[in-house]
Amino acid sequence: MIEMVKIVVSRDKTGSIRSLKIDGHSGYDRAGKDIICAAVSVTAYTAAGSLEDLAGLKGCYDERDGHMTIRLPGRMSEQQESTAGIILEAAVIGFKQIELSYGKYVLVVEEEVGSDD
C-alpha cells in the first residue's frame, strides 16, 4: 500500500477557500526524518498560526497525528475574510509546490462546497 498525504481544498461558489483537510503520511522516510511530512506540516501550522495571529480567528483548526483540518468560521469581518483568504491561498500555493516536486507522495485536490459547509 502506497502512503500519501492528501490535501483537500474546499472552496465556496465564489472561489474562496472555506477549509483545508490534510490527511495521511507521505511514507517518504521514517517518522522524524520525513522531509515531505515536515514540509506539509510546516505549511499547515504556519497557515493555522497566521489565521490566529494575523486574522484574529481563534480555534479554527483541529489536529491529531496525520490529520489537520482548518475551517473558517461562517461569520468574519471583511478584514478577517480578506486576511484569511490571502493566508489560505498562500498555503495552497505551498502545498502545490510540494506536490509538484513530490507528486508520488502528496496530492492536492480542489472541490466546491455549498455555502453552509
PDB file of N, CA and C in Angstrom:
ATOM      1  N   MET A   1       0.838  -1.185   0.000  1.00  0.00           N
ATOM      2  CA  MET A   1       0.000   0.000   0.000  1.00  0.00           C
ATOM      3  C   MET A   1       0.883   1.250   0.000  1.00  0.00           C
ATOM      4  N   ILE A   2       0.634   2.140  -0.934  1.00  0.00           N
ATOM      5  CA  ILE A   2       1.401   3.366  -1.036  1.00  0.00           C
ATOM      6  C   ILE A   2       0.829   4.394  -0.068  1.00  0.00           C
ATOM      7  N   GLU A   3       1.710   4.980   0.728  1.00  0.00           N
ATOM      8  CA  GLU A   3       1.284   6.050   1.621  1.00  0.00           C
ATOM      9  C   GLU A   3       1.328   7.362   0.856  1.00  0.00           C
ATOM     10  N   MET A   4       0.492   8.290   1.267  1.00  0.00           N
ATOM     11  CA  MET A   4       0.430   9.581   0.594  1.00  0.00           C
ATOM     12  C   MET A   4      -0.243  10.588   1.517  1.00  0.00           C
ATOM     13  N   VAL A   5       0.163  11.848   1.396  1.00  0.00           N
ATOM     14  CA  VAL A   5      -0.532  12.941   2.066  1.00  0.00           C
ATOM     15  C   VAL A   5      -1.550  13.479   1.070  1.00  0.00           C
ATOM     16  N   LYS A   6      -2.804  13.558   1.486  1.00  0.00           N
ATOM     17  CA  LYS A   6      -3.861  14.111   0.636  1.00  0.00           C
ATOM     18  C   LYS A   6      -4.351  15.404   1.270  1.00  0.00           C
ATOM     19  N   ILE A   7      -4.374  16.457   0.462  1.00  0.00           N
ATOM     20  CA  ILE A   7      -4.825  17.765   0.914  1.00  0.00           C
ATOM     21  C   ILE A   7      -6.054  18.131   0.094  1.00  0.00           C
ATOM     22  N   VAL A   8      -7.185  18.322   0.764  1.00  0.00           N
ATOM     23  CA  VAL A   8      -8.426  18.691   0.093  1.00  0.00           C
ATOM     24  C   VAL A   8      -8.699  20.167   0.384  1.00  0.00           C
ATOM     25  N   VAL A   9      -8.771  20.943  -0.686  1.00  0.00           N
ATOM     26  CA  VAL A   9      -9.047  22.372  -0.614  1.00  0.00           C
ATOM     27  C   VAL A   9     -10.518  22.560  -0.976  1.00  0.00           C
ATOM     28  N   SER A  10     -11.325  23.008  -0.026  1.00  0.00           N
ATOM     29  CA  SER A  10     -12.757  23.212  -0.276  1.00  0.00           C
ATOM     30  C   SER A  10     -13.018  24.694  -0.482  1.00  0.00           C
ATOM     31  N   ARG A  11     -13.615  25.005  -1.640  1.00  0.00           N
ATOM     32  CA  ARG A  11     -13.924  26.391  -1.996  1.00  0.00           C
ATOM     33  C   ARG A  11     -15.434  26.564  -2.101  1.00  0.00           C
ATOM     34  N   ASP A  12     -15.907  27.774  -1.766  1.00  0.00           N
ATOM     35  CA  ASP A  12     -17.317  28.069  -1.949  1.00  0.00           C
ATOM     36  C   ASP A  12     -17.561  28.475  -3.405  1.00  0.00           C
ATOM     37  N   LYS A  13     -18.784  28.810  -3.719  1.00  0.00           N
ATOM     38  CA  LYS A  13     -19.157  29.117  -5.101  1.00  0.00           C
ATOM     39  C   LYS A  13     -18.446  30.354  -5.662  1.00  0.00           C
ATOM     40  N   THR A  14     -17.929  31.221  -4.766  1.00  0.00           N
ATOM     41  CA  THR A  14     -17.197  32.408  -5.224  1.00  0.00           C
ATOM     42  C   THR A  14     -15.716  32.112  -5.453  1.00  0.00           C
ATOM     43  N   GLY A  15     -15.290  30.892  -5.091  1.00  0.00           N
ATOM     44  CA  GLY A  15     -13.889  30.518  -5.242  1.00  0.00           C
ATOM     45  C   GLY A  15     -13.055  30.723  -3.995  1.00  0.00           C
ATOM     46  N   SER A  16     -13.669  31.238  -2.930  1.00  0.00           N
ATOM     47  CA  SER A  16     -12.948  31.453  -1.677  1.00  0.00           C
ATOM     48  C   SER A  16     -12.751  30.127  -0.943  1.00  0.00           C
ATOM     49  N   ILE A  17     -11.576  29.946  -0.381  1.00  0.00           N
ATOM     50  CA  ILE A  17     -11.295  28.735   0.386  1.00  0.00           C
ATOM     51  C   ILE A  17     -12.064  28.789   1.698  1.00  0.00           C
ATOM     52  N   ARG A  18     -12.783  27.725   2.002  1.00  0.00           N
ATOM     53  CA  ARG A  18     -13.531  27.612   3.251  1.00  0.00           C
ATOM     54  C   ARG A  18     -12.842  26.675   4.231  1.00  0.00           C
ATOM     55  N   SER A  19     -12.135  25.635   3.683  1.00  0.00           N
ATOM     56  CA  SER A  19     -11.442  24.710   4.574  1.00  0.00           C
ATOM     57  C   SER A  19     -10.317  23.996   3.836  1.00  0.00           C
ATOM     58  N   LEU A  20      -9.390  23.499   4.632  1.00  0.00           N
ATOM     59  CA  LEU A  20      -8.310  22.631   4.163  1.00  0.00           C
ATOM     60  C   LEU A  20      -8.332  21.388   5.036  1.00  0.00           C
ATOM     61  N   LYS A  21      -8.261  20.226   4.408  1.00  0.00           N
ATOM     62  CA  LYS A  21      -8.168  18.970   5.149  1.00  0.00           C
ATOM     63  C   LYS A  21      -6.892  18.275   4.702  1.00  0.00           C
ATOM     64  N   ILE A  22      -6.021  17.988   5.648  1.00  0.00           N
ATOM     65  CA  ILE A  22      -4.747  17.355   5.365  1.00  0.00           C
ATOM     66  C   ILE A  22      -4.752  16.011   6.078  1.00  0.00           C
ATOM     67  N   ASP A  23      -4.580  14.929   5.312  1.00  0.00           N
ATOM     68  CA  ASP A  23      -4.624  13.581   5.884  1.00  0.00           C
ATOM     69  C   ASP A  23      -3.476  12.729   5.375  1.00  0.00           C
ATOM     70  N   GLY A  24      -2.956  11.882   6.267  1.00  0.00           N
ATOM     71  CA  GLY A  24      -2.010  10.856   5.874  1.00  0.00           C
ATOM     72  C   GLY A  24      -0.564  11.195   6.161  1.00  0.00           C
ATOM     73  N   HIS A  25       0.266  10.228   5.838  1.00  0.00           N
ATOM     74  CA  HIS A  25       1.717  10.342   5.955  1.00  0.00           C
ATOM     75  C   HIS A  25       2.303  10.034   4.586  1.00  0.00           C
ATOM     76  N   SER A  26       3.378  10.692   4.245  1.00  0.00           N
ATOM     77  CA  SER A  26       3.919  10.527   2.895  1.00  0.00           C
ATOM     78  C   SER A  26       4.577   9.169   2.678  1.00  0.00           C
ATOM     79  N   GLY A  27       5.189   8.620   3.710  1.00  0.00           N
ATOM     80  CA  GLY A  27       5.918   7.368   3.535  1.00  0.00           C
ATOM     81  C   GLY A  27       7.256   7.551   2.843  1.00  0.00           C
ATOM     82  N   TYR A  28       7.687   8.790   2.682  1.00  0.00           N
ATOM     83  CA  TYR A  28       8.967   9.088   2.022  1.00  0.00           C
ATOM     84  C   TYR A  28      10.133   8.588   2.855  1.00  0.00           C
ATOM     85  N   ASP A  29      10.023   8.728   4.169  1.00  0.00           N
ATOM     86  CA  ASP A  29      11.068   8.279   5.088  1.00  0.00           C
ATOM     87  C   ASP A  29      10.399   7.972   6.419  1.00  0.00           C
ATOM     88  N   ARG A  30      11.166   7.493   7.376  1.00  0.00           N
ATOM     89  CA  ARG A  30      10.595   7.145   8.674  1.00  0.00           C
ATOM     90  C   ARG A  30      10.213   8.411   9.455  1.00  0.00           C
ATOM     91  N   ALA A  31       9.316   8.237  10.411  1.00  0.00           N
ATOM     92  CA  ALA A  31       8.850   9.357  11.235  1.00  0.00           C
ATOM     93  C   ALA A  31      10.046  10.068  11.853  1.00  0.00           C
ATOM     94  N   GLY A  32      10.010  11.381  11.820  1.00  0.00           N
ATOM     95  CA  GLY A  32      11.101  12.183  12.358  1.00  0.00           C
ATOM     96  C   GLY A  32      12.179  12.497  11.331  1.00  0.00           C
ATOM     97  N   LYS A  33      12.156  11.809  10.203  1.00  0.00           N
ATOM     98  CA  LYS A  33      13.153  12.021   9.143  1.00  0.00           C
ATOM     99  C   LYS A  33      12.495  12.336   7.808  1.00  0.00           C
ATOM    100  N   ASP A  34      11.172  12.408   7.784  1.00  0.00           N
ATOM    101  CA  ASP A  34      10.421  12.553   6.539  1.00  0.00           C
ATOM    102  C   ASP A  34      10.306  14.028   6.157  1.00  0.00           C
ATOM    103  N   ILE A  35      11.094  14.450   5.157  1.00  0.00           N
ATOM    104  CA  ILE A  35      11.115  15.863   4.759  1.00  0.00           C
ATOM    105  C   ILE A  35       9.796  16.307   4.134  1.00  0.00           C
ATOM    106  N   ILE A  36       9.076  15.400   3.517  1.00  0.00           N
ATOM    107  CA  ILE A  36       7.804  15.771   2.884  1.00  0.00           C
ATOM    108  C   ILE A  36       6.745  16.033   3.942  1.00  0.00           C
ATOM    109  N   CYS A  37       6.640  15.143   4.911  1.00  0.00           N
ATOM    110  CA  CYS A  37       5.697  15.380   6.010  1.00  0.00           C
ATOM    111  C   CYS A  37       6.064  16.658   6.759  1.00  0.00           C
ATOM    112  N   ALA A  38       7.351  16.900   6.933  1.00  0.00           N
ATOM    113  CA  ALA A  38       7.785  18.126   7.601  1.00  0.00           C
ATOM    114  C   ALA A  38       7.370  19.359   6.807  1.00  0.00           C
ATOM    115  N   ALA A  39       7.548  19.326   5.491  1.00  0.00           N
ATOM    116  CA  ALA A  39       7.179  20.469   4.648  1.00  0.00           C
ATOM    117  C   ALA A  39       5.674  20.722   4.695  1.00  0.00           C
ATOM    118  N   VAL A  40       4.887  19.666   4.606  1.00  0.00           N
ATOM    119  CA  VAL A  40       3.427  19.812   4.662  1.00  0.00           C
ATOM    120  C   VAL A  40       3.012  20.328   6.038  1.00  0.00           C
ATOM    121  N   SER A  41       3.605  19.782   7.088  1.00  0.00           N
ATOM    122  CA  SER A  41       3.261  20.203   8.450  1.00  0.00           C
ATOM    123  C   SER A  41       3.588  21.666   8.688  1.00  0.00           C
ATOM    124  N   VAL A  42       4.762  22.087   8.263  1.00  0.00           N
ATOM    125  CA  VAL A  42       5.162  23.484   8.474  1.00  0.00           C
ATOM    126  C   VAL A  42       4.229  24.427   7.711  1.00  0.00           C
ATOM    127  N   THR A  43       3.824  24.053   6.526  1.00  0.00           N
ATOM    128  CA  THR A  43       2.904  24.875   5.746  1.00  0.00           C
ATOM    129  C   THR A  43       1.549  24.966   6.447  1.00  0.00           C
ATOM    130  N   ALA A  44       1.043  23.838   6.915  1.00  0.00           N
ATOM    131  CA  ALA A  44      -0.262  23.802   7.587  1.00  0.00           C
ATOM    132  C   ALA A  44      -0.236  24.563   8.911  1.00  0.00           C
ATOM    133  N   TYR A  45       0.788  24.344   9.735  1.00  0.00           N
ATOM    134  CA  TYR A  45       0.865  25.037  11.024  1.00  0.00           C
ATOM    135  C   TYR A  45       1.095  26.529  10.848  1.00  0.00           C
ATOM    136  N   THR A  46       1.831  26.921   9.818  1.00  0.00           N
ATOM    137  CA  THR A  46       2.018  28.349   9.538  1.00  0.00           C
ATOM    138  C   THR A  46       0.685  28.989   9.179  1.00  0.00           C
ATOM    139  N   ALA A  47      -0.107  28.306   8.346  1.00  0.00           N
ATOM    140  CA  ALA A  47      -1.431  28.828   7.984  1.00  0.00           C
ATOM    141  C   ALA A  47      -2.314  28.939   9.228  1.00  0.00           C
ATOM    142  N   ALA A  48      -2.355  27.891  10.043  1.00  0.00           N
ATOM    143  CA  ALA A  48      -3.202  27.897  11.242  1.00  0.00           C
ATOM    144  C   ALA A  48      -2.773  28.997  12.212  1.00  0.00           C
ATOM    145  N   GLY A  49      -1.485  29.128  12.449  1.00  0.00           N
ATOM    146  CA  GLY A  49      -0.981  30.167  13.348  1.00  0.00           C
ATOM    147  C   GLY A  49      -1.224  31.558  12.801  1.00  0.00           C
ATOM    148  N   SER A  50      -1.079  31.722  11.508  1.00  0.00           N
ATOM    149  CA  SER A  50      -1.319  33.023  10.877  1.00  0.00           C
ATOM    150  C   SER A  50      -2.786  33.416  10.946  1.00  0.00           C
ATOM    151  N   LEU A  51      -3.677  32.439  10.808  1.00  0.00           N
ATOM    152  CA  LEU A  51      -5.104  32.739  10.946  1.00  0.00           C
ATOM    153  C   LEU A  51      -5.404  33.274  12.340  1.00  0.00           C
ATOM    154  N   GLU A  52      -4.755  32.705  13.344  1.00  0.00           N
ATOM    155  CA  GLU A  52      -4.950  33.181  14.717  1.00  0.00           C
ATOM    156  C   GLU A  52      -4.301  34.547  14.928  1.00  0.00           C
ATOM    157  N   ASP A  53      -3.015  34.658  14.585  1.00  0.00           N
ATOM    158  CA  ASP A  53      -2.250  35.861  14.915  1.00  0.00           C
ATOM    159  C   ASP A  53      -2.527  37.046  13.993  1.00  0.00           C
ATOM    160  N   LEU A  54      -2.742  36.805  12.717  1.00  0.00           N
ATOM    161  CA  LEU A  54      -2.904  37.900  11.761  1.00  0.00           C
ATOM    162  C   LEU A  54      -4.365  38.220  11.452  1.00  0.00           C
ATOM    163  N   ALA A  55      -5.218  37.184  11.466  1.00  0.00           N
ATOM    164  CA  ALA A  55      -6.632  37.405  11.150  1.00  0.00           C
ATOM    165  C   ALA A  55      -7.509  37.427  12.399  1.00  0.00           C
ATOM    166  N   GLY A  56      -6.942  37.049  13.545  1.00  0.00           N
ATOM    167  CA  GLY A  56      -7.726  37.052  14.781  1.00  0.00           C
ATOM    168  C   GLY A  56      -8.773  35.961  14.843  1.00  0.00           C
ATOM    169  N   LEU A  57      -8.543  34.872  14.113  1.00  0.00           N
ATOM    170  CA  LEU A  57      -9.506  33.757  14.081  1.00  0.00           C
ATOM    171  C   LEU A  57      -8.982  32.633  14.977  1.00  0.00           C
ATOM    172  N   LYS A  58      -9.471  32.582  16.181  1.00  0.00           N
ATOM    173  CA  LYS A  58      -9.025  31.595  17.164  1.00  0.00           C
ATOM    174  C   LYS A  58      -9.798  30.286  17.001  1.00  0.00           C
ATOM    175  N   GLY A  59      -9.101  29.181  17.232  1.00  0.00           N
ATOM    176  CA  GLY A  59      -9.752  27.880  17.272  1.00  0.00           C
ATOM    177  C   GLY A  59     -10.322  27.380  15.958  1.00  0.00           C
ATOM    178  N   CYS A  60      -9.736  27.764  14.851  1.00  0.00           N
ATOM    179  CA  CYS A  60     -10.298  27.324  13.563  1.00  0.00           C
ATOM    180  C   CYS A  60      -9.552  26.123  12.984  1.00  0.00           C
ATOM    181  N   TYR A  61      -8.733  25.467  13.809  1.00  0.00           N
ATOM    182  CA  TYR A  61      -8.100  24.250  13.310  1.00  0.00           C
ATOM    183  C   TYR A  61      -8.124  23.159  14.371  1.00  0.00           C
ATOM    184  N   ASP A  62      -8.057  21.937  13.872  1.00  0.00           N
ATOM    185  CA  ASP A  62      -8.051  20.746  14.709  1.00  0.00           C
ATOM    186  C   ASP A  62      -6.964  19.837  14.159  1.00  0.00           C
ATOM    187  N   GLU A  63      -6.164  19.270  15.037  1.00  0.00           N
ATOM    188  CA  GLU A  63      -5.119  18.387  14.531  1.00  0.00           C
ATOM    189  C   GLU A  63      -4.921  17.194  15.449  1.00  0.00           C
ATOM    190  N   ARG A  64      -4.506  16.113  14.818  1.00  0.00           N
ATOM    191  CA  ARG A  64      -4.061  14.911  15.516  1.00  0.00           C
ATOM    192  C   ARG A  64      -3.081  14.221  14.587  1.00  0.00           C
ATOM    193  N   ASP A  65      -2.457  13.190  15.026  1.00  0.00           N
ATOM    194  CA  ASP A  65      -1.411  12.534  14.238  1.00  0.00           C
ATOM    195  C   ASP A  65      -1.879  12.214  12.816  1.00  0.00           C
ATOM    196  N   GLY A  66      -1.224  12.824  11.853  1.00  0.00           N
ATOM    197  CA  GLY A  66      -1.526  12.540  10.454  1.00  0.00           C
ATOM    198  C   GLY A  66      -2.768  13.220   9.913  1.00  0.00           C
ATOM    199  N   HIS A  67      -3.331  14.169  10.668  1.00  0.00           N
ATOM    200  CA  HIS A  67      -4.557  14.831  10.209  1.00  0.00           C
ATOM    201  C   HIS A  67      -4.627  16.260  10.743  1.00  0.00           C
ATOM    202  N   MET A  68      -5.009  17.186   9.882  1.00  0.00           N
ATOM    203  CA  MET A  68      -5.324  18.549  10.323  1.00  0.00           C
ATOM    204  C   MET A  68      -6.462  19.072   9.467  1.00  0.00           C
ATOM    205  N   THR A  69      -7.403  19.725  10.119  1.00  0.00           N
ATOM    206  CA  THR A  69      -8.482  20.410   9.410  1.00  0.00           C
ATOM    207  C   THR A  69      -8.436  21.873   9.819  1.00  0.00           C
ATOM    208  N   ILE A  70      -8.424  22.745   8.822  1.00  0.00           N
ATOM    209  CA  ILE A  70      -8.535  24.183   9.042  1.00  0.00           C
ATOM    210  C   ILE A  70      -9.858  24.590   8.418  1.00  0.00           C
ATOM    211  N   ARG A  71     -10.739  25.177   9.218  1.00  0.00           N
ATOM    212  CA  ARG A  71     -12.063  25.555   8.725  1.00  0.00           C
ATOM    213  C   ARG A  71     -12.355  26.989   9.162  1.00  0.00           C
ATOM    214  N   LEU A  72     -12.677  27.827   8.187  1.00  0.00           N
ATOM    215  CA  LEU A  72     -13.015  29.206   8.509  1.00  0.00           C
ATOM    216  C   LEU A  72     -14.417  29.276   9.097  1.00  0.00           C
ATOM    217  N   PRO A  73     -14.620  30.189  10.043  1.00  0.00           N
ATOM    218  CA  PRO A  73     -15.962  30.344  10.617  1.00  0.00           C
ATOM    219  C   PRO A  73     -16.911  30.958   9.590  1.00  0.00           C
ATOM    220  N   GLY A  74     -18.187  30.770   9.803  1.00  0.00           N
ATOM    221  CA  GLY A  74     -19.190  31.313   8.900  1.00  0.00           C
ATOM    222  C   GLY A  74     -19.261  32.830   8.927  1.00  0.00           C
ATOM    223  N   ARG A  75     -18.966  33.407  10.078  1.00  0.00           N
ATOM    224  CA  ARG A  75     -19.031  34.865  10.218  1.00  0.00           C
ATOM    225  C   ARG A  75     -17.651  35.423  10.506  1.00  0.00           C
ATOM    226  N   MET A  76     -17.254  36.353   9.658  1.00  0.00           N
ATOM    227  CA  MET A  76     -15.986  37.059   9.832  1.00  0.00           C
ATOM    228  C   MET A  76     -16.189  38.492   9.380  1.00  0.00           C
ATOM    229  N   SER A  77     -15.356  39.368   9.898  1.00  0.00           N
ATOM    230  CA  SER A  77     -15.383  40.737   9.403  1.00  0.00           C
ATOM    231  C   SER A  77     -14.798  40.741   7.984  1.00  0.00           C
ATOM    232  N   GLU A  78     -15.006  41.809   7.265  1.00  0.00           N
ATOM    233  CA  GLU A  78     -14.460  41.920   5.913  1.00  0.00           C
ATOM    234  C   GLU A  78     -12.935  41.815   5.943  1.00  0.00           C
ATOM    235  N   GLN A  79     -12.306  42.447   6.938  1.00  0.00           N
ATOM    236  CA  GLN A  79     -10.849  42.395   7.070  1.00  0.00           C
ATOM    237  C   GLN A  79     -10.378  40.968   7.384  1.00  0.00           C
ATOM    238  N   GLN A  80     -11.066  40.285   8.287  1.00  0.00           N
ATOM    239  CA  GLN A  80     -10.697  38.907   8.608  1.00  0.00           C
ATOM    240  C   GLN A  80     -10.821  38.013   7.384  1.00  0.00           C
ATOM    241  N   GLU A  81     -11.896  38.188   6.642  1.00  0.00           N
ATOM    242  CA  GLU A  81     -12.111  37.370   5.454  1.00  0.00           C
ATOM    243  C   GLU A  81     -11.006  37.604   4.420  1.00  0.00           C
ATOM    244  N   SER A  82     -10.631  38.851   4.224  1.00  0.00           N
ATOM    245  CA  SER A  82      -9.568  39.191   3.278  1.00  0.00           C
ATOM    246  C   SER A  82      -8.236  38.594   3.720  1.00  0.00           C
ATOM    247  N   THR A  83      -7.887  38.788   4.983  1.00  0.00           N
ATOM    248  CA  THR A  83      -6.622  38.273   5.512  1.00  0.00           C
ATOM    249  C   THR A  83      -6.597  36.751   5.472  1.00  0.00           C
ATOM    250  N   ALA A  84      -7.685  36.118   5.895  1.00  0.00           N
ATOM    251  CA  ALA A  84      -7.765  34.652   5.879  1.00  0.00           C
ATOM    252  C   ALA A  84      -7.628  34.120   4.455  1.00  0.00           C
ATOM    253  N   GLY A  85      -8.246  34.784   3.509  1.00  0.00           N
ATOM    254  CA  GLY A  85      -8.158  34.354   2.117  1.00  0.00           C
ATOM    255  C   GLY A  85      -6.729  34.363   1.605  1.00  0.00           C
ATOM    256  N   ILE A  86      -5.992  35.411   1.923  1.00  0.00           N
ATOM    257  CA  ILE A  86      -4.587  35.501   1.499  1.00  0.00           C
ATOM    258  C   ILE A  86      -3.759  34.397   2.155  1.00  0.00           C
ATOM    259  N   ILE A  87      -3.960  34.197   3.442  1.00  0.00           N
ATOM    260  CA  ILE A  87      -3.217  33.158   4.168  1.00  0.00           C
ATOM    261  C   ILE A  87      -3.478  31.782   3.576  1.00  0.00           C
ATOM    262  N   LEU A  88      -4.749  31.445   3.353  1.00  0.00           N
ATOM    263  CA  LEU A  88      -5.071  30.106   2.841  1.00  0.00           C
ATOM    264  C   LEU A  88      -4.630  29.927   1.390  1.00  0.00           C
ATOM    265  N   GLU A  89      -4.742  30.968   0.574  1.00  0.00           N
ATOM    266  CA  GLU A  89      -4.264  30.863  -0.811  1.00  0.00           C
ATOM    267  C   GLU A  89      -2.749  30.643  -0.833  1.00  0.00           C
ATOM    268  N   ALA A  90      -2.024  31.331   0.051  1.00  0.00           N
ATOM    269  CA  ALA A  90      -0.575  31.140   0.127  1.00  0.00           C
ATOM    270  C   ALA A  90      -0.237  29.711   0.560  1.00  0.00           C
ATOM    271  N   ALA A  91      -0.997  29.175   1.512  1.00  0.00           N
ATOM    272  CA  ALA A  91      -0.768  27.797   1.953  1.00  0.00           C
ATOM    273  C   ALA A  91      -1.004  26.823   0.804  1.00  0.00           C
ATOM    274  N   VAL A  92      -2.069  27.028   0.039  1.00  0.00           N
ATOM    275  CA  VAL A  92      -2.362  26.138  -1.090  1.00  0.00           C
ATOM    276  C   VAL A  92      -1.244  26.210  -2.138  1.00  0.00           C
ATOM    277  N   ILE A  93      -0.723  27.405  -2.384  1.00  0.00           N
ATOM    278  CA  ILE A  93       0.420  27.523  -3.299  1.00  0.00           C
ATOM    279  C   ILE A  93       1.579  26.686  -2.775  1.00  0.00           C
ATOM    280  N   GLY A  94       1.845  26.760  -1.474  1.00  0.00           N
ATOM    281  CA  GLY A  94       2.914  25.960  -0.875  1.00  0.00           C
ATOM    282  C   GLY A  94       2.674  24.469  -1.036  1.00  0.00           C
ATOM    283  N   PHE A  95       1.441  24.027  -0.764  1.00  0.00           N
ATOM    284  CA  PHE A  95       1.117  22.606  -0.918  1.00  0.00           C
ATOM    285  C   PHE A  95       1.294  22.157  -2.367  1.00  0.00           C
ATOM    286  N   LYS A  96       0.874  22.990  -3.306  1.00  0.00           N
ATOM    287  CA  LYS A  96       1.008  22.633  -4.727  1.00  0.00           C
ATOM    288  C   LYS A  96       2.467  22.596  -5.160  1.00  0.00           C
ATOM    289  N   GLN A  97       3.300  23.432  -4.574  1.00  0.00           N
ATOM    290  CA  GLN A  97       4.729  23.391  -4.882  1.00  0.00           C
ATOM    291  C   GLN A  97       5.352  22.087  -4.364  1.00  0.00           C
ATOM    292  N   ILE A  98       4.918  21.667  -3.186  1.00  0.00           N
ATOM    293  CA  ILE A  98       5.394  20.383  -2.654  1.00  0.00           C
ATOM    294  C   ILE A  98       4.922  19.251  -3.558  1.00  0.00           C
ATOM    295  N   GLU A  99       3.653  19.303  -3.970  1.00  0.00           N
ATOM    296  CA  GLU A  99       3.108  18.284  -4.867  1.00  0.00           C
ATOM    297  C   GLU A  99       3.868  18.256  -6.188  1.00  0.00           C
ATOM    298  N   LEU A 100       4.229  19.409  -6.708  1.00  0.00           N
ATOM    299  CA  LEU A 100       4.963  19.492  -7.972  1.00  0.00           C
ATOM    300  C   LEU A 100       6.291  18.745  -7.891  1.00  0.00           C
ATOM    301  N   SER A 101       6.964  18.871  -6.768  1.00  0.00           N
ATOM    302  CA  SER A 101       8.256  18.200  -6.595  1.00  0.00           C
ATOM    303  C   SER A 101       8.133  16.754  -6.120  1.00  0.00           C
ATOM    304  N   TYR A 102       7.075  16.455  -5.382  1.00  0.00           N
ATOM    305  CA  TYR A 102       6.940  15.129  -4.757  1.00  0.00           C
ATOM    306  C   TYR A 102       5.543  14.557  -4.984  1.00  0.00           C
ATOM    307  N   GLY A 103       5.087  14.576  -6.226  1.00  0.00           N
ATOM    308  CA  GLY A 103       3.738  14.144  -6.570  1.00  0.00           C
ATOM    309  C   GLY A 103       3.412  12.704  -6.232  1.00  0.00           C
ATOM    310  N   LYS A 104       4.422  11.890  -6.077  1.00  0.00           N
ATOM    311  CA  LYS A 104       4.203  10.493  -5.696  1.00  0.00           C
ATOM    312  C   LYS A 104       3.759  10.387  -4.232  1.00  0.00           C
ATOM    313  N   TYR A 105       4.040  11.441  -3.460  1.00  0.00           N
ATOM    314  CA  TYR A 105       3.805  11.406  -2.024  1.00  0.00           C
ATOM    315  C   TYR A 105       2.755  12.408  -1.532  1.00  0.00           C
ATOM    316  N   VAL A 106       2.390  13.373  -2.375  1.00  0.00           N
ATOM    317  CA  VAL A 106       1.458  14.433  -1.987  1.00  0.00           C
ATOM    318  C   VAL A 106       0.451  14.650  -3.106  1.00  0.00           C
ATOM    319  N   LEU A 107      -0.822  14.735  -2.744  1.00  0.00           N
ATOM    320  CA  LEU A 107      -1.882  15.003  -3.707  1.00  0.00           C
ATOM    321  C   LEU A 107      -2.732  16.158  -3.184  1.00  0.00           C
ATOM    322  N   VAL A 108      -2.896  17.201  -4.020  1.00  0.00           N
ATOM    323  CA  VAL A 108      -3.755  18.329  -3.686  1.00  0.00           C
ATOM    324  C   VAL A 108      -4.991  18.241  -4.556  1.00  0.00           C
ATOM    325  N   VAL A 109      -6.170  18.219  -3.922  1.00  0.00           N
ATOM    326  CA  VAL A 109      -7.451  18.101  -4.626  1.00  0.00           C
ATOM    327  C   VAL A 109      -8.291  19.320  -4.263  1.00  0.00           C
ATOM    328  N   GLU A 110      -8.929  19.920  -5.266  1.00  0.00           N
ATOM    329  CA  GLU A 110      -9.814  21.055  -5.018  1.00  0.00           C
ATOM    330  C   GLU A 110     -11.251  20.612  -5.246  1.00  0.00           C
ATOM    331  N   GLU A 111     -12.157  21.104  -4.389  1.00  0.00           N
ATOM    332  CA  GLU A 111     -13.571  20.794  -4.533  1.00  0.00           C
ATOM    333  C   GLU A 111     -14.394  22.036  -4.223  1.00  0.00           C
ATOM    334  N   GLU A 112     -15.598  22.072  -4.775  1.00  0.00           N
ATOM    335  CA  GLU A 112     -16.525  23.163  -4.478  1.00  0.00           C
ATOM    336  C   GLU A 112     -17.550  22.652  -3.477  1.00  0.00           C
ATOM    337  N   VAL A 113     -17.805  23.453  -2.446  1.00  0.00           N
ATOM    338  CA  VAL A 113     -18.782  23.088  -1.425  1.00  0.00           C
ATOM    339  C   VAL A 113     -19.852  24.155  -1.332  1.00  0.00           C
ATOM    340  N   GLY A 114     -20.987  23.796  -0.769  1.00  0.00           N
ATOM    341  CA  GLY A 114     -22.058  24.760  -0.555  1.00  0.00           C
ATOM    342  C   GLY A 114     -21.654  25.777   0.485  1.00  0.00           C
ATOM    343  N   SER A 115     -22.348  26.876   0.552  1.00  0.00           N
ATOM    344  CA  SER A 115     -22.000  27.965   1.464  1.00  0.00           C
ATOM    345  C   SER A 115     -22.156  27.594   2.940  1.00  0.00           C
ATOM    346  N   ASP A 116     -22.907  26.538   3.251  1.00  0.00           N
ATOM    347  CA  ASP A 116     -23.106  26.153   4.653  1.00  0.00           C
ATOM    348  C   ASP A 116     -22.181  25.043   5.114  1.00  0.00           C
ATOM    349  N   ASP A 117     -21.214  24.639   4.287  1.00  0.00           N
ATOM    350  CA  ASP A 117     -20.267  23.589   4.666  1.00  0.00           C
ATOM    351  C   ASP A 117     -19.132  24.137   5.494  1.00  0.00           C
TER     352      ASP A 117
END
